[in-house]
All heavy atoms as atom14 arrays in JSON, in Angstrom:
{
  "sequence": "ARQDPELGRDLAAWMSRYGTPAQEVGTVH",
  "atom14_mask": [
    [1, 1, 1, 1, 1, 0, 0, 0, 0, 0, 0, 0, 0, 0],
    [1, 1, 1, 1, 1, 1, 1, 1, 1, 1, 1, 0, 0, 0],
    [1, 1, 1, 1, 1, 1, 1, 1, 1, 0, 0, 0, 0, 0],
    [1, 1, 1, 1, 1, 1, 1, 1, 0, 0, 0, 0, 0, 0],
    [1, 1, 1, 1, 1, 1, 1, 0, 0, 0, 0, 0, 0, 0],
    [1, 1, 1, 1, 1, 1, 1, 1, 1, 0, 0, 0, 0, 0],
    [1, 1, 1, 1, 1, 1, 1, 1, 0, 0, 0, 0, 0, 0],
    [1, 1, 1, 1, 0, 0, 0, 0, 0, 0, 0, 0, 0, 0],
    [1, 1, 1, 1, 1, 1, 1, 1, 1, 1, 1, 0, 0, 0],
    [1, 1, 1, 1, 1, 1, 1, 1, 0, 0, 0, 0, 0, 0],
    [1, 1, 1, 1, 1, 1, 1, 1, 0, 0, 0, 0, 0, 0],
    [1, 1, 1, 1, 1, 0, 0, 0, 0, 0, 0, 0, 0, 0],
    [1, 1, 1, 1, 1, 0, 0, 0, 0, 0, 0, 0, 0, 0],
    [1, 1, 1, 1, 1, 1, 1, 1, 1, 1, 1, 1, 1, 1],
    [1, 1, 1, 1, 1, 1, 1, 1, 0, 0, 0, 0, 0, 0],
    [1, 1, 1, 1, 1, 1, 0, 0, 0, 0, 0, 0, 0, 0],
    [1, 1, 1, 1, 1, 1, 1, 1, 1, 1, 1, 0, 0, 0],
    [1, 1, 1, 1, 1, 1, 1, 1, 1, 1, 1, 1, 0, 0],
    [1, 1, 1, 1, 0, 0, 0, 0, 0, 0, 0, 0, 0, 0],
    [1, 1, 1, 1, 1, 1, 1, 0, 0, 0, 0, 0, 0, 0],
    [1, 1, 1, 1, 1, 1, 1, 0, 0, 0, 0, 0, 0, 0],
    [1, 1, 1, 1, 1, 0, 0, 0, 0, 0, 0, 0, 0, 0],
    [1, 1, 1, 1, 1, 1, 1, 1, 1, 0, 0, 0, 0, 0],
    [1, 1, 1, 1, 1, 1, 1, 1, 1, 0, 0, 0, 0, 0],
    [1, 1, 1, 1, 1, 1, 1, 0, 0, 0, 0, 0, 0, 0],
    [1, 1, 1, 1, 0, 0, 0, 0, 0, 0, 0, 0, 0, 0],
    [1, 1, 1, 1, 1, 1, 1, 0, 0, 0, 0, 0, 0, 0],
    [1, 1, 1, 1, 1, 1, 1, 0, 0, 0, 0, 0, 0, 0],
    [1, 1, 1, 1, 1, 1, 1, 1, 1, 1, 0, 0, 0, 0]
  ],
  "atom14_positions": [
    [[-83.26, -11.65, 62.89], [-82.08, -11.79, 62.02], [-82.42, -12.56, 60.75], [-81.87, -12.28, 59.69], [-80.95, -12.49, 62.78], [0.0, 0.0, 0.0], [0.0, 0.0, 0.0], [0.0, 0.0, 0.0], [0.0, 0.0, 0.0], [0.0, 0.0, 0.0], [0.0, 0.0, 0.0], [0.0, 0.0, 0.0], [0.0, 0.0, 0.0], [0.0, 0.0, 0.0]],
    [[-83.35, -13.52, 60.86], [-83.79, -14.24, 59.66], [-84.59, -13.32, 58.73], [-84.55, -13.47, 57.52], [-84.62, -15.46, 60.04], [-83.8, -16.62, 60.57], [-84.62, -17.89, 60.74], [-85.51, -17.86, 61.88], [-85.14, -18.09, 63.14], [-83.89, -18.37, 63.4], [-86.02, -18.06, 64.11], [0.0, 0.0, 0.0], [0.0, 0.0, 0.0], [0.0, 0.0, 0.0]],
    [[-85.3, -12.37, 59.31], [-86.13, -11.45, 58.53], [-85.32, -10.28, 57.98], [-85.69, -9.7, 56.97], [-87.27, -10.91, 59.39], [-88.22, -11.97, 59.88], [-89.17, -11.43, 60.95], [-89.14, -10.26, 61.31], [-90.01, -12.31, 61.47], [0.0, 0.0, 0.0], [0.0, 0.0, 0.0], [0.0, 0.0, 0.0], [0.0, 0.0, 0.0], [0.0, 0.0, 0.0]],
    [[-84.26, -9.9, 58.66], [-83.47, -8.72, 58.31], [-82.01, -9.14, 58.11], [-81.27, -9.28, 59.08], [-83.59, -7.7, 59.44], [-82.79, -6.43, 59.22], [-81.99, -6.36, 58.26], [-82.94, -5.49, 60.02], [0.0, 0.0, 0.0], [0.0, 0.0, 0.0], [0.0, 0.0, 0.0], [0.0, 0.0, 0.0], [0.0, 0.0, 0.0], [0.0, 0.0, 0.0]],
    [[-81.59, -9.34, 56.85], [-80.22, -9.82, 56.6], [-79.14, -8.91, 57.18], [-78.1, -9.4, 57.62], [-80.14, -9.86, 55.08], [-81.55, -9.96, 54.62], [-82.37, -9.21, 55.63], [0.0, 0.0, 0.0], [0.0, 0.0, 0.0], [0.0, 0.0, 0.0], [0.0, 0.0, 0.0], [0.0, 0.0, 0.0], [0.0, 0.0, 0.0], [0.0, 0.0, 0.0]],
    [[-79.39, -7.6, 57.22], [-78.39, -6.7, 57.78], [-78.21, -6.97, 59.28], [-77.09, -7.04, 59.79], [-78.78, -5.25, 57.56], [-77.74, -4.27, 58.09], [-78.14, -2.82, 57.89], [-79.09, -2.54, 57.15], [-77.47, -1.97, 58.49], [0.0, 0.0, 0.0], [0.0, 0.0, 0.0], [0.0, 0.0, 0.0], [0.0, 0.0, 0.0], [0.0, 0.0, 0.0]],
    [[-79.32, -7.13, 60.0], [-79.24, -7.47, 61.42], [-78.57, -8.82, 61.59], [-77.74, -9.0, 62.49], [-80.64, -7.48, 62.06], [-80.68, -7.9, 63.53], [-79.94, -6.91, 64.41], [-82.12, -8.06, 64.0], [0.0, 0.0, 0.0], [0.0, 0.0, 0.0], [0.0, 0.0, 0.0], [0.0, 0.0, 0.0], [0.0, 0.0, 0.0], [0.0, 0.0, 0.0]],
    [[-78.9, -9.77, 60.73], [-78.25, -11.09, 60.79], [-76.75, -10.99, 60.65], [-75.99, -11.64, 61.39], [0.0, 0.0, 0.0], [0.0, 0.0, 0.0], [0.0, 0.0, 0.0], [0.0, 0.0, 0.0], [0.0, 0.0, 0.0], [0.0, 0.0, 0.0], [0.0, 0.0, 0.0], [0.0, 0.0, 0.0], [0.0, 0.0, 0.0], [0.0, 0.0, 0.0]],
    [[-76.28, -10.18, 59.69], [-74.83, -10.0, 59.51], [-74.21, -9.34, 60.73], [-73.13, -9.72, 61.18], [-74.55, -9.17, 58.26], [-74.71, -9.93, 56.96], [-74.21, -9.13, 55.77], [-74.97, -7.9, 55.57], [-76.11, -7.81, 54.9], [-76.63, -8.88, 54.36], [-76.71, -6.64, 54.75], [0.0, 0.0, 0.0], [0.0, 0.0, 0.0], [0.0, 0.0, 0.0]],
    [[-74.92, -8.34, 61.28], [-74.37, -7.64, 62.45], [-74.31, -8.55, 63.67], [-73.34, -8.52, 64.43], [-75.2, -6.39, 62.76], [-75.04, -5.32, 61.68], [-74.1, -5.41, 60.87], [-75.88, -4.39, 61.66], [0.0, 0.0, 0.0], [0.0, 0.0, 0.0], [0.0, 0.0, 0.0], [0.0, 0.0, 0.0], [0.0, 0.0, 0.0], [0.0, 0.0, 0.0]],
    [[-75.33, -9.37, 63.88], [-75.31, -10.32, 65.0], [-74.21, -11.37, 64.81], [-73.51, -11.72, 65.76], [-76.66, -11.01, 65.16], [-77.75, -10.2, 65.85], [-79.09, -10.91, 65.74], [-77.4, -9.95, 67.3], [0.0, 0.0, 0.0], [0.0, 0.0, 0.0], [0.0, 0.0, 0.0], [0.0, 0.0, 0.0], [0.0, 0.0, 0.0], [0.0, 0.0, 0.0]],
    [[-74.06, -11.86, 63.58], [-73.0, -12.84, 63.3], [-71.62, -12.22, 63.54], [-70.72, -12.87, 64.09], [-73.12, -13.37, 61.88], [0.0, 0.0, 0.0], [0.0, 0.0, 0.0], [0.0, 0.0, 0.0], [0.0, 0.0, 0.0], [0.0, 0.0, 0.0], [0.0, 0.0, 0.0], [0.0, 0.0, 0.0], [0.0, 0.0, 0.0], [0.0, 0.0, 0.0]],
    [[-71.46, -10.95, 63.16], [-70.19, -10.27, 63.4], [-69.94, -10.11, 64.9], [-68.81, -10.28, 65.36], [-70.18, -8.9, 62.7], [0.0, 0.0, 0.0], [0.0, 0.0, 0.0], [0.0, 0.0, 0.0], [0.0, 0.0, 0.0], [0.0, 0.0, 0.0], [0.0, 0.0, 0.0], [0.0, 0.0, 0.0], [0.0, 0.0, 0.0], [0.0, 0.0, 0.0]],
    [[-71.01, -9.78, 65.66], [-70.86, -9.67, 67.11], [-70.42, -11.01, 67.7], [-69.51, -11.06, 68.53], [-72.17, -9.21, 67.76], [-72.04, -9.07, 69.25], [-71.64, -7.97, 69.92], [-72.27, -10.08, 70.23], [-71.61, -8.23, 71.28], [-71.99, -9.52, 71.49], [-72.7, -11.4, 70.17], [-72.13, -10.24, 72.67], [-72.83, -12.12, 71.35], [-72.54, -11.54, 72.58]],
    [[-71.07, -12.08, 67.27], [-70.73, -13.4, 67.79], [-69.29, -13.77, 67.42], [-68.57, -14.35, 68.23], [-71.7, -14.45, 67.25], [-73.09, -14.3, 67.85], [-74.34, -15.34, 67.08], [-73.64, -16.96, 67.29], [0.0, 0.0, 0.0], [0.0, 0.0, 0.0], [0.0, 0.0, 0.0], [0.0, 0.0, 0.0], [0.0, 0.0, 0.0], [0.0, 0.0, 0.0]],
    [[-68.88, -13.43, 66.22], [-67.52, -13.73, 65.79], [-66.5, -12.94, 66.61], [-65.44, -13.46, 66.97], [-67.37, -13.39, 64.3], [-66.06, -13.55, 63.88], [0.0, 0.0, 0.0], [0.0, 0.0, 0.0], [0.0, 0.0, 0.0], [0.0, 0.0, 0.0], [0.0, 0.0, 0.0], [0.0, 0.0, 0.0], [0.0, 0.0, 0.0], [0.0, 0.0, 0.0]],
    [[-66.83, -11.69, 66.92], [-65.89, -10.85, 67.65], [-65.85, -11.15, 69.14], [-64.79, -11.17, 69.77], [-66.25, -9.38, 67.45], [-65.33, -8.46, 68.18], [-65.54, -7.03, 67.82], [-64.58, -6.2, 68.54], [-64.53, -4.91, 68.46], [-65.37, -4.28, 67.7], [-63.64, -4.24, 69.15], [0.0, 0.0, 0.0], [0.0, 0.0, 0.0], [0.0, 0.0, 0.0]],
    [[-67.02, -11.37, 69.75], [-67.09, -11.45, 71.2], [-67.4, -12.82, 71.77], [-67.02, -13.12, 72.89], [-68.14, -10.47, 71.75], [-67.83, -9.04, 71.51], [-68.59, -8.28, 70.63], [-66.78, -8.42, 72.17], [-68.31, -6.94, 70.43], [-66.49, -7.08, 71.97], [-67.26, -6.35, 71.09], [-67.0, -5.03, 70.89], [0.0, 0.0, 0.0], [0.0, 0.0, 0.0]],
    [[-68.17, -13.61, 71.07], [-68.66, -14.86, 71.65], [-68.03, -16.08, 71.03], [-67.2, -16.01, 70.14], [0.0, 0.0, 0.0], [0.0, 0.0, 0.0], [0.0, 0.0, 0.0], [0.0, 0.0, 0.0], [0.0, 0.0, 0.0], [0.0, 0.0, 0.0], [0.0, 0.0, 0.0], [0.0, 0.0, 0.0], [0.0, 0.0, 0.0], [0.0, 0.0, 0.0]],
    [[-68.42, -17.21, 71.53], [-67.96, -18.48, 71.01], [-68.93, -18.94, 69.94], [-70.12, -19.1, 70.23], [-67.92, -19.54, 72.13], [-67.07, -19.07, 73.16], [-67.41, -20.87, 71.61], [0.0, 0.0, 0.0], [0.0, 0.0, 0.0], [0.0, 0.0, 0.0], [0.0, 0.0, 0.0], [0.0, 0.0, 0.0], [0.0, 0.0, 0.0], [0.0, 0.0, 0.0]],
    [[-68.48, -19.11, 68.7], [-69.39, -19.62, 67.68], [-69.98, -20.96, 68.11], [-69.33, -21.74, 68.79], [-68.5, -19.78, 66.44], [-67.35, -18.85, 66.68], [-67.15, -18.84, 68.18], [0.0, 0.0, 0.0], [0.0, 0.0, 0.0], [0.0, 0.0, 0.0], [0.0, 0.0, 0.0], [0.0, 0.0, 0.0], [0.0, 0.0, 0.0], [0.0, 0.0, 0.0]],
    [[-71.2, -21.24, 67.69], [-71.92, -22.43, 68.14], [-71.14, -23.71, 67.88], [-71.16, -24.63, 68.68], [-73.29, -22.5, 67.46], [0.0, 0.0, 0.0], [0.0, 0.0, 0.0], [0.0, 0.0, 0.0], [0.0, 0.0, 0.0], [0.0, 0.0, 0.0], [0.0, 0.0, 0.0], [0.0, 0.0, 0.0], [0.0, 0.0, 0.0], [0.0, 0.0, 0.0]],
    [[-70.42, -23.8, 66.76], [-69.72, -25.04, 66.46], [-68.48, -25.23, 67.33], [-67.87, -26.27, 67.31], [-69.34, -25.11, 64.98], [-68.3, -24.1, 64.54], [-68.91, -22.78, 64.11], [-70.06, -22.46, 64.42], [-68.16, -21.98, 63.37], [0.0, 0.0, 0.0], [0.0, 0.0, 0.0], [0.0, 0.0, 0.0], [0.0, 0.0, 0.0], [0.0, 0.0, 0.0]],
    [[-68.11, -24.21, 68.1], [-66.91, -24.32, 68.92], [-67.21, -24.36, 70.41], [-66.31, -24.18, 71.22], [-65.98, -23.14, 68.62], [-65.45, -23.13, 67.21], [-64.47, -22.0, 66.99], [-63.79, -21.6, 67.96], [-64.37, -21.53, 65.87], [0.0, 0.0, 0.0], [0.0, 0.0, 0.0], [0.0, 0.0, 0.0], [0.0, 0.0, 0.0], [0.0, 0.0, 0.0]],
    [[-68.46, -24.6, 70.79], [-68.79, -24.65, 72.2], [-67.94, -25.74, 72.85], [-67.85, -26.85, 72.36], [-70.3, -24.9, 72.4], [-70.6, -25.16, 73.87], [-71.09, -23.73, 71.9], [0.0, 0.0, 0.0], [0.0, 0.0, 0.0], [0.0, 0.0, 0.0], [0.0, 0.0, 0.0], [0.0, 0.0, 0.0], [0.0, 0.0, 0.0], [0.0, 0.0, 0.0]],
    [[-67.31, -25.4, 73.95], [-66.47, -26.35, 74.66], [-64.99, -26.16, 74.4], [-64.16, -26.67, 75.13], [0.0, 0.0, 0.0], [0.0, 0.0, 0.0], [0.0, 0.0, 0.0], [0.0, 0.0, 0.0], [0.0, 0.0, 0.0], [0.0, 0.0, 0.0], [0.0, 0.0, 0.0], [0.0, 0.0, 0.0], [0.0, 0.0, 0.0], [0.0, 0.0, 0.0]],
    [[-64.63, -25.43, 73.35], [-63.23, -25.16, 73.1], [-62.82, -23.91, 73.87], [-63.66, -23.14, 74.32], [-62.94, -24.95, 71.6], [-63.7, -23.84, 71.14], [-63.28, -26.19, 70.81], [0.0, 0.0, 0.0], [0.0, 0.0, 0.0], [0.0, 0.0, 0.0], [0.0, 0.0, 0.0], [0.0, 0.0, 0.0], [0.0, 0.0, 0.0], [0.0, 0.0, 0.0]],
    [[-61.54, -23.73, 74.02], [-61.03, -22.6, 74.78], [-60.16, -21.74, 73.87], [-59.32, -22.26, 73.14], [-60.2, -23.08, 75.99], [-59.57, -21.91, 76.71], [-61.07, -23.88, 76.92], [0.0, 0.0, 0.0], [0.0, 0.0, 0.0], [0.0, 0.0, 0.0], [0.0, 0.0, 0.0], [0.0, 0.0, 0.0], [0.0, 0.0, 0.0], [0.0, 0.0, 0.0]],
    [[-60.38, -20.45, 73.93], [-59.56, -19.48, 73.2], [-59.11, -18.44, 74.22], [-59.85, -17.53, 74.54], [-60.35, -18.81, 72.08], [-60.87, -19.76, 71.07], [-60.11, -20.23, 70.03], [-62.07, -20.36, 70.97], [-60.83, -21.07, 69.32], [-62.02, -21.17, 69.87], [0.0, 0.0, 0.0], [0.0, 0.0, 0.0], [0.0, 0.0, 0.0], [0.0, 0.0, 0.0]]
  ]
}
């Protein structure tokens, strides 16, 4: 993702849609 900005954007979008962003670990949604 650091080497390929498009992959980085896609992974960040996946994390935003499905996972808990790193700064929010421990919170509940």
